[in-house]
Structures are given as structure tokens and as C-alpha cells.
N, C-alpha and C. Protein backbone atom coordinates (compact mmCIF):
# COMPACT_ATOMS: atom_id res chain seq x y z
N MET A 1 -3.45 1.52 -12.94
CA MET A 1 -3.22 0.22 -12.18
C MET A 1 -1.85 0.48 -11.60
N VAL A 2 -1.65 0.09 -10.30
CA VAL A 2 -0.33 0.26 -9.73
C VAL A 2 0.28 -1.06 -9.42
N GLN A 3 1.50 -1.14 -9.79
CA GLN A 3 2.32 -2.34 -9.46
C GLN A 3 3.73 -2.12 -8.67
N VAL A 4 4.24 -2.80 -7.88
CA VAL A 4 5.46 -2.61 -7.19
C VAL A 4 6.41 -3.77 -7.72
N LYS A 5 7.23 -3.21 -8.40
CA LYS A 5 8.26 -4.44 -8.92
C LYS A 5 9.39 -4.62 -7.91
N GLY A 6 9.54 -5.91 -7.58
CA GLY A 6 10.45 -6.29 -6.60
C GLY A 6 9.97 -6.28 -5.11
N GLY A 7 8.59 -6.19 -4.87
CA GLY A 7 8.01 -6.23 -3.62
C GLY A 7 8.02 -4.93 -2.89
N LYS A 8 7.80 -4.92 -1.60
CA LYS A 8 7.79 -3.67 -0.94
C LYS A 8 8.91 -2.87 -1.04
N GLY A 9 8.85 -1.63 -1.18
CA GLY A 9 9.82 -0.76 -1.37
C GLY A 9 10.54 -0.73 -2.77
N GLY A 10 9.95 -1.53 -3.60
CA GLY A 10 10.40 -1.54 -4.88
C GLY A 10 9.99 -0.39 -5.81
N GLU A 11 10.35 -0.53 -7.16
CA GLU A 11 9.91 0.49 -8.26
C GLU A 11 8.41 0.49 -8.27
N VAL A 12 7.76 1.60 -8.17
CA VAL A 12 6.32 1.84 -8.43
C VAL A 12 6.16 2.08 -9.92
N VAL A 13 5.26 1.19 -10.50
CA VAL A 13 4.96 1.18 -12.06
C VAL A 13 3.58 1.29 -12.00
N THR A 14 3.11 2.59 -12.85
CA THR A 14 1.66 2.77 -13.02
C THR A 14 1.46 2.63 -14.56
N THR A 15 0.21 2.20 -14.66
CA THR A 15 -0.37 1.97 -15.94
C THR A 15 -1.63 2.59 -16.25
N ASP A 16 -1.91 3.37 -17.28
CA ASP A 16 -3.08 3.98 -17.67
C ASP A 16 -3.99 3.03 -18.42
N GLY A 17 -4.64 2.16 -17.86
CA GLY A 17 -5.59 1.13 -18.48
C GLY A 17 -4.75 0.39 -19.35
N PRO A 18 -5.33 -0.64 -20.12
CA PRO A 18 -6.61 -1.20 -19.59
C PRO A 18 -6.63 -1.87 -18.16
N PHE A 19 -7.73 -1.82 -17.72
CA PHE A 19 -8.09 -2.32 -16.23
C PHE A 19 -7.66 -3.84 -16.12
N ALA A 20 -7.79 -4.43 -14.94
CA ALA A 20 -7.45 -5.84 -14.77
C ALA A 20 -8.23 -6.67 -15.88
N GLU A 21 -7.51 -7.68 -16.14
CA GLU A 21 -8.17 -8.64 -17.09
C GLU A 21 -9.20 -9.50 -16.40
N THR A 22 -10.28 -10.05 -17.08
CA THR A 22 -11.39 -10.90 -16.25
C THR A 22 -10.95 -12.14 -15.80
N LYS A 23 -9.63 -12.70 -16.11
CA LYS A 23 -9.07 -13.94 -15.45
C LYS A 23 -8.81 -13.44 -14.11
N GLU A 24 -8.52 -12.18 -13.67
CA GLU A 24 -8.01 -11.93 -12.42
C GLU A 24 -9.17 -11.71 -11.62
N VAL A 25 -9.04 -12.06 -10.17
CA VAL A 25 -10.10 -12.01 -9.12
C VAL A 25 -10.21 -10.96 -8.41
N LEU A 26 -11.28 -10.24 -7.97
CA LEU A 26 -11.35 -9.16 -7.06
C LEU A 26 -11.37 -9.58 -5.82
N GLY A 27 -10.12 -9.18 -4.96
CA GLY A 27 -9.95 -9.75 -3.61
C GLY A 27 -10.44 -8.84 -2.67
N GLY A 28 -11.20 -7.77 -2.92
CA GLY A 28 -11.73 -6.64 -2.02
C GLY A 28 -11.34 -5.40 -2.55
N PHE A 29 -11.85 -4.42 -1.75
CA PHE A 29 -11.51 -2.97 -2.27
C PHE A 29 -11.16 -2.17 -1.01
N TYR A 30 -10.81 -1.01 -1.12
CA TYR A 30 -10.37 0.09 -0.31
C TYR A 30 -11.00 1.52 -0.87
N LEU A 31 -11.66 2.00 0.01
CA LEU A 31 -12.35 3.27 -0.29
C LEU A 31 -11.70 4.40 0.62
N LEU A 32 -10.80 5.22 -0.15
CA LEU A 32 -9.85 6.07 0.52
C LEU A 32 -10.20 7.64 0.11
N GLN A 33 -9.99 8.47 0.97
CA GLN A 33 -10.31 9.98 0.60
C GLN A 33 -8.81 10.26 0.42
N CYS A 34 -8.63 10.78 -0.63
CA CYS A 34 -7.14 11.31 -1.09
C CYS A 34 -7.24 12.61 -1.73
N ALA A 35 -6.21 13.43 -1.60
CA ALA A 35 -6.10 14.84 -2.02
C ALA A 35 -6.05 14.85 -3.44
N ASP A 36 -5.46 13.83 -4.07
CA ASP A 36 -5.27 13.90 -5.65
C ASP A 36 -4.77 12.46 -5.94
N LEU A 37 -4.61 12.46 -7.42
CA LEU A 37 -3.92 11.08 -7.86
C LEU A 37 -2.74 10.69 -7.40
N ASP A 38 -1.91 11.69 -7.23
CA ASP A 38 -0.48 11.27 -6.78
C ASP A 38 -0.46 10.49 -5.19
N GLU A 39 -1.31 11.01 -4.40
CA GLU A 39 -1.53 10.56 -3.10
C GLU A 39 -2.18 9.05 -3.25
N ALA A 40 -3.20 8.99 -3.99
CA ALA A 40 -3.95 7.75 -4.30
C ALA A 40 -2.89 6.67 -4.66
N ILE A 41 -2.04 7.09 -5.54
CA ILE A 41 -1.01 6.19 -6.24
C ILE A 41 -0.11 5.68 -5.15
N ALA A 42 0.43 6.60 -4.19
CA ALA A 42 1.31 6.43 -3.17
C ALA A 42 0.72 5.33 -2.06
N VAL A 43 -0.60 5.63 -1.95
CA VAL A 43 -1.18 4.69 -0.88
C VAL A 43 -1.27 3.34 -1.48
N ALA A 44 -1.71 3.23 -2.72
CA ALA A 44 -1.87 1.86 -3.38
C ALA A 44 -0.52 1.10 -3.65
N ALA A 45 0.47 1.94 -3.70
CA ALA A 45 1.86 1.21 -3.61
C ALA A 45 2.24 0.74 -2.39
N GLU A 46 1.66 0.98 -1.12
CA GLU A 46 1.99 0.53 0.10
C GLU A 46 0.92 -0.73 0.42
N LEU A 47 0.07 -1.14 -0.47
CA LEU A 47 -0.80 -2.22 -0.13
C LEU A 47 -0.06 -3.28 -0.60
N PRO A 48 -0.11 -4.48 0.20
CA PRO A 48 0.48 -5.76 -0.15
C PRO A 48 0.00 -6.26 -1.47
N GLY A 49 -1.21 -5.96 -2.03
CA GLY A 49 -1.68 -6.46 -3.16
C GLY A 49 -0.77 -5.87 -4.46
N SER A 50 -0.23 -4.76 -4.25
CA SER A 50 0.43 -4.04 -5.41
C SER A 50 1.89 -4.81 -5.41
N TRP A 51 2.25 -5.58 -4.33
CA TRP A 51 3.67 -5.97 -4.29
C TRP A 51 3.69 -7.37 -5.15
N HIS A 52 2.55 -7.93 -5.12
CA HIS A 52 2.59 -9.38 -5.81
C HIS A 52 1.54 -9.48 -7.01
N GLY A 53 0.90 -8.25 -7.24
CA GLY A 53 -0.08 -8.32 -8.25
C GLY A 53 -0.32 -6.88 -8.71
N SER A 54 -1.61 -6.41 -8.82
CA SER A 54 -1.58 -5.02 -9.20
C SER A 54 -2.96 -4.66 -8.45
N VAL A 55 -3.09 -3.33 -8.17
CA VAL A 55 -4.09 -2.46 -7.59
C VAL A 55 -4.55 -1.49 -8.58
N GLU A 56 -5.88 -1.48 -8.70
CA GLU A 56 -6.44 -0.59 -9.67
C GLU A 56 -6.80 0.62 -8.80
N VAL A 57 -6.72 1.96 -9.40
CA VAL A 57 -6.86 3.13 -8.75
C VAL A 57 -8.03 3.96 -9.70
N ARG A 58 -9.26 4.06 -8.88
CA ARG A 58 -10.24 4.74 -9.68
C ARG A 58 -10.84 5.93 -8.93
N PRO A 59 -11.29 7.11 -9.54
CA PRO A 59 -11.95 8.05 -9.00
C PRO A 59 -13.20 7.72 -8.60
N VAL A 60 -13.72 8.51 -7.41
CA VAL A 60 -15.19 8.11 -7.08
C VAL A 60 -15.72 9.53 -7.05
N TYR A 61 -16.84 9.79 -7.70
CA TYR A 61 -17.47 11.16 -7.59
C TYR A 61 -18.30 11.29 -6.22
N ASP A 62 -18.12 12.41 -5.63
CA ASP A 62 -18.83 12.79 -4.43
C ASP A 62 -20.09 13.53 -4.76
N TRP A 63 -21.11 12.66 -4.85
CA TRP A 63 -22.48 13.14 -5.12
C TRP A 63 -23.18 14.04 -4.04
N SER A 64 -22.74 14.21 -2.86
CA SER A 64 -23.18 15.01 -1.81
C SER A 64 -22.82 16.45 -2.17
N ALA A 65 -21.96 16.78 -2.88
CA ALA A 65 -21.59 18.15 -3.36
C ALA A 65 -22.64 18.67 -4.26
N ASP A 66 -23.46 17.82 -4.89
CA ASP A 66 -24.45 18.40 -5.72
C ASP A 66 -25.66 18.69 -5.05
N VAL A 67 -25.95 18.22 -3.75
CA VAL A 67 -27.24 18.32 -3.09
C VAL A 67 -27.43 19.67 -2.64
N PRO A 68 -28.40 20.50 -3.06
CA PRO A 68 -28.70 21.66 -2.42
C PRO A 68 -29.14 21.73 -1.09
N GLY A 69 -28.69 22.87 -0.52
CA GLY A 69 -29.10 23.08 0.85
C GLY A 69 -28.22 22.88 2.01
């Protein structure tokens, strides 16, 4: 989970689980292709949701890599 303390440009704080509590609401999602976790965290820190709340960062498996041919 990524949060930016103090709003845009503030301190980026990451937490390795647990994920968002059930009282929180899913406001949408972004599907991004990033080189690694560090890049994904940097992008999440630029989203307004991380300035006033939190943004979850989760990996997605690319199933197309397993398709033969």
C-alpha cells in the first residue's frame, strides 16, 4: 500500500500488507505496465488517491507469455 504523507510531494510511505480494510471503498483502478515494483510505487505516489488516502499496488501475471506458438 502506498500513501503520501503531507500531500503531493510529501513523504512516500509503503506498507507490505495487510491490504485495504473492508470499510474502505474501491474508487477505481489503474492497470499499468511497469518495469519493476519500484517504478510501480513511484507511479502510485503520483496518483491523487495516495495523497489523501492509500493506493494498493498489486502485481498482475502476464498469461500471454505461457501461450505456445
